[in-house]
Amino acid sequence: QVQLVESGGGLVQAGGSLRLSCTASGGIFSSYGVGWYRQAPGMQRESVATITRGGSTNYADSVKGRFTISRDNAKNTVYLQMNSLQPEDTAVYYCNQLLVRLNWGQGTQVTVSA
């Protein structure tokens, strides 16, 4: 029924930018708070940024001031604007709802070269 689709990842040099997109096809994605998560090799999946149903945002300390989460309800899409990327940001990035989890998607690979 509902499938999470992340896109926008790629290879970028340190200091560069990427914008990730997340869409939940077949669901009312915009009715829920949504988070971006990432998982680096050998690491646990961690929360990067969240945006609530009401639009409140929170960020991990490691990305605060560099990343911005936003949503376009009309497009049923959540974005993660990533600026000043560093090699430590290299990971597979995933999105999901906060309250009622959907099955995790494939994620999108972000690789930052030094």
C-alpha atoms as a PDB file:
ATOM      1  CA  GLN A   1       0.000   0.000   0.000  1.00  0.00           C
ATOM      2  CA  VAL A   2       2.311   2.737   1.260  1.00  0.00           C
ATOM      3  CA  GLN A   3       5.857   2.883  -0.024  1.00  0.00           C
ATOM      4  CA  LEU A   4       8.513   5.283   1.175  1.00  0.00           C
ATOM      5  CA  VAL A   5      10.704   6.611  -1.594  1.00  0.00           C
ATOM      6  CA  GLU A   6      13.837   8.600  -0.837  1.00  0.00           C
ATOM      7  CA  SER A   7      15.794  10.348  -3.541  1.00  0.00           C
ATOM      8  CA  GLY A   8      18.390  13.020  -4.108  1.00  0.00           C
ATOM      9  CA  GLY A   9      21.492  11.368  -2.750  1.00  0.00           C
ATOM     10  CA  GLY A  10      24.772  11.206  -4.536  1.00  0.00           C
ATOM     11  CA  LEU A  11      28.459  11.923  -4.388  1.00  0.00           C
ATOM     12  CA  VAL A  12      29.485  15.413  -3.374  1.00  0.00           C
ATOM     13  CA  GLN A  13      32.666  17.121  -2.278  1.00  0.00           C
ATOM     14  CA  ALA A  14      33.079  18.393   1.256  1.00  0.00           C
ATOM     15  CA  GLY A  15      31.421  21.764   1.571  1.00  0.00           C
ATOM     16  CA  GLY A  16      28.851  20.954  -1.059  1.00  0.00           C
ATOM     17  CA  SER A  17      25.095  20.643  -0.848  1.00  0.00           C
ATOM     18  CA  LEU A  18      22.377  18.143  -1.612  1.00  0.00           C
ATOM     19  CA  ARG A  19      18.634  18.175  -1.247  1.00  0.00           C
ATOM     20  CA  LEU A  20      16.935  14.929  -0.372  1.00  0.00           C
ATOM     21  CA  SER A  21      13.284  14.237  -1.023  1.00  0.00           C
ATOM     22  CA  CYS A  22      10.947  11.778   0.643  1.00  0.00           C
ATOM     23  CA  THR A  23       7.546  10.772  -0.602  1.00  0.00           C
ATOM     24  CA  ALA A  24       5.114   8.234   0.808  1.00  0.00           C
ATOM     25  CA  SER A  25       3.272   6.929  -2.181  1.00  0.00           C
ATOM     26  CA  GLY A  26      -0.243   5.756  -1.511  1.00  0.00           C
ATOM     27  CA  GLY A  27      -0.532   7.388   1.905  1.00  0.00           C
ATOM     28  CA  ILE A  28      -1.396  10.647   3.597  1.00  0.00           C
ATOM     29  CA  PHE A  29       2.176  11.417   4.446  1.00  0.00           C
ATOM     30  CA  SER A  30       1.505  15.042   5.287  1.00  0.00           C
ATOM     31  CA  SER A  31      -0.798  14.115   8.176  1.00  0.00           C
ATOM     32  CA  TYR A  32       2.130  12.950  10.306  1.00  0.00           C
ATOM     33  CA  GLY A  33       5.337  14.191  11.722  1.00  0.00           C
ATOM     34  CA  VAL A  34       8.256  12.956   9.679  1.00  0.00           C
ATOM     35  CA  GLY A  35      11.889  12.357  10.414  1.00  0.00           C
ATOM     36  CA  TRP A  36      15.044  11.934   8.423  1.00  0.00           C
ATOM     37  CA  TYR A  37      17.440   9.266   9.639  1.00  0.00           C
ATOM     38  CA  ARG A  38      20.819   8.053   8.560  1.00  0.00           C
ATOM     39  CA  GLN A  39      22.892   4.959   8.998  1.00  0.00           C
ATOM     40  CA  ALA A  40      26.611   4.849   8.428  1.00  0.00           C
ATOM     41  CA  PRO A  41      28.522   1.574   8.057  1.00  0.00           C
ATOM     42  CA  GLY A  42      28.806  -0.228  11.379  1.00  0.00           C
ATOM     43  CA  MET A  43      26.583   2.301  13.115  1.00  0.00           C
ATOM     44  CA  GLN A  44      23.060   2.368  14.440  1.00  0.00           C
ATOM     45  CA  ARG A  45      20.452   4.311  12.569  1.00  0.00           C
ATOM     46  CA  GLU A  46      20.189   7.779  14.064  1.00  0.00           C
ATOM     47  CA  SER A  47      17.725  10.602  13.843  1.00  0.00           C
ATOM     48  CA  VAL A  48      18.956  13.581  11.861  1.00  0.00           C
ATOM     49  CA  ALA A  49      15.988  15.912  11.762  1.00  0.00           C
ATOM     50  CA  THR A  50      12.275  15.848  12.481  1.00  0.00           C
ATOM     51  CA  ILE A  51       9.331  17.983  11.546  1.00  0.00           C
ATOM     52  CA  THR A  52       6.028  17.658  13.343  1.00  0.00           C
ATOM     53  CA  ARG A  53       2.551  17.858  11.980  1.00  0.00           C
ATOM     54  CA  GLY A  54       2.482  21.442  13.193  1.00  0.00           C
ATOM     55  CA  GLY A  55       5.777  22.324  11.565  1.00  0.00           C
ATOM     56  CA  SER A  56       8.092  22.306  14.577  1.00  0.00           C
ATOM     57  CA  THR A  57      11.586  21.112  13.748  1.00  0.00           C
ATOM     58  CA  ASN A  58      14.419  19.515  15.649  1.00  0.00           C
ATOM     59  CA  TYR A  59      17.907  18.613  14.571  1.00  0.00           C
ATOM     60  CA  ALA A  60      20.715  16.478  15.781  1.00  0.00           C
ATOM     61  CA  ASP A  61      23.514  18.597  17.176  1.00  0.00           C
ATOM     62  CA  SER A  62      25.836  17.307  14.495  1.00  0.00           C
ATOM     63  CA  VAL A  63      23.765  18.849  11.698  1.00  0.00           C
ATOM     64  CA  LYS A  64      22.246  21.888  13.362  1.00  0.00           C
ATOM     65  CA  GLY A  65      22.869  24.989  11.329  1.00  0.00           C
ATOM     66  CA  ARG A  66      23.719  22.989   8.229  1.00  0.00           C
ATOM     67  CA  PHE A  67      20.612  20.942   7.484  1.00  0.00           C
ATOM     68  CA  THR A  68      17.042  22.119   7.078  1.00  0.00           C
ATOM     69  CA  ILE A  69      13.983  19.894   7.079  1.00  0.00           C
ATOM     70  CA  SER A  70      10.844  21.124   5.389  1.00  0.00           C
ATOM     71  CA  ARG A  71       7.648  19.793   3.938  1.00  0.00           C
ATOM     72  CA  ASP A  72       5.338  20.520   1.067  1.00  0.00           C
ATOM     73  CA  ASN A  73       1.999  19.038   1.984  1.00  0.00           C
ATOM     74  CA  ALA A  74       0.520  19.684  -1.433  1.00  0.00           C
ATOM     75  CA  LYS A  75       3.227  17.503  -2.940  1.00  0.00           C
ATOM     76  CA  ASN A  76       3.173  14.957  -0.108  1.00  0.00           C
ATOM     77  CA  THR A  77       6.906  15.416   0.171  1.00  0.00           C
ATOM     78  CA  VAL A  78       9.419  16.083   2.920  1.00  0.00           C
ATOM     79  CA  TYR A  79      12.805  17.538   2.100  1.00  0.00           C
ATOM     80  CA  LEU A  80      16.175  17.654   3.727  1.00  0.00           C
ATOM     81  CA  GLN A  81      18.392  20.454   2.514  1.00  0.00           C
ATOM     82  CA  MET A  82      21.964  19.600   3.399  1.00  0.00           C
ATOM     83  CA  ASN A  83      24.609  22.299   3.202  1.00  0.00           C
ATOM     84  CA  SER A  84      28.261  22.359   4.182  1.00  0.00           C
ATOM     85  CA  LEU A  85      28.442  18.607   3.890  1.00  0.00           C
ATOM     86  CA  GLN A  86      31.302  16.822   5.575  1.00  0.00           C
ATOM     87  CA  PRO A  87      32.666  13.299   5.175  1.00  0.00           C
ATOM     88  CA  GLU A  88      31.071  12.399   8.518  1.00  0.00           C
ATOM     89  CA  ASP A  89      27.685  12.910   6.866  1.00  0.00           C
ATOM     90  CA  THR A  90      28.293   9.928   4.605  1.00  0.00           C
ATOM     91  CA  ALA A  91      25.473   7.456   5.197  1.00  0.00           C
ATOM     92  CA  VAL A  92      22.316   6.005   3.785  1.00  0.00           C
ATOM     93  CA  TYR A  93      19.507   8.443   4.505  1.00  0.00           C
ATOM     94  CA  TYR A  94      15.984   7.287   5.248  1.00  0.00           C
ATOM     95  CA  CYS A  95      12.709   8.944   6.084  1.00  0.00           C
ATOM     96  CA  ASN A  96       9.742   7.738   8.086  1.00  0.00           C
ATOM     97  CA  GLN A  97       6.729   8.903  10.013  1.00  0.00           C
ATOM     98  CA  LEU A  98       7.141   9.633  13.702  1.00  0.00           C
ATOM     99  CA  LEU A  99       3.901   8.360  15.177  1.00  0.00           C
ATOM    100  CA  VAL A 100       2.996   5.374  13.038  1.00  0.00           C
ATOM    101  CA  ARG A 101       6.005   3.820  11.389  1.00  0.00           C
ATOM    102  CA  LEU A 102       5.812   2.630   7.838  1.00  0.00           C
ATOM    103  CA  ASN A 103       8.036  -0.037   6.407  1.00  0.00           C
ATOM    104  CA  TRP A 104      11.441   1.463   5.786  1.00  0.00           C
ATOM    105  CA  GLY A 105      12.324   2.298   2.229  1.00  0.00           C
ATOM    106  CA  GLN A 106      15.582   1.698   0.418  1.00  0.00           C
ATOM    107  CA  GLY A 107      17.057   5.005   1.480  1.00  0.00           C
ATOM    108  CA  THR A 108      19.331   7.159  -0.592  1.00  0.00           C
ATOM    109  CA  GLN A 109      23.108   7.063  -0.401  1.00  0.00           C
ATOM    110  CA  VAL A 110      24.953  10.247   0.446  1.00  0.00           C
ATOM    111  CA  THR A 111      28.698  10.129   0.017  1.00  0.00           C
ATOM    112  CA  VAL A 112      30.844  13.125   0.883  1.00  0.00           C
ATOM    113  CA  SER A 113      34.432  13.069  -0.266  1.00  0.00           C
ATOM    114  CA  ALA A 114      37.218  14.979   1.387  1.00  0.00           C
END
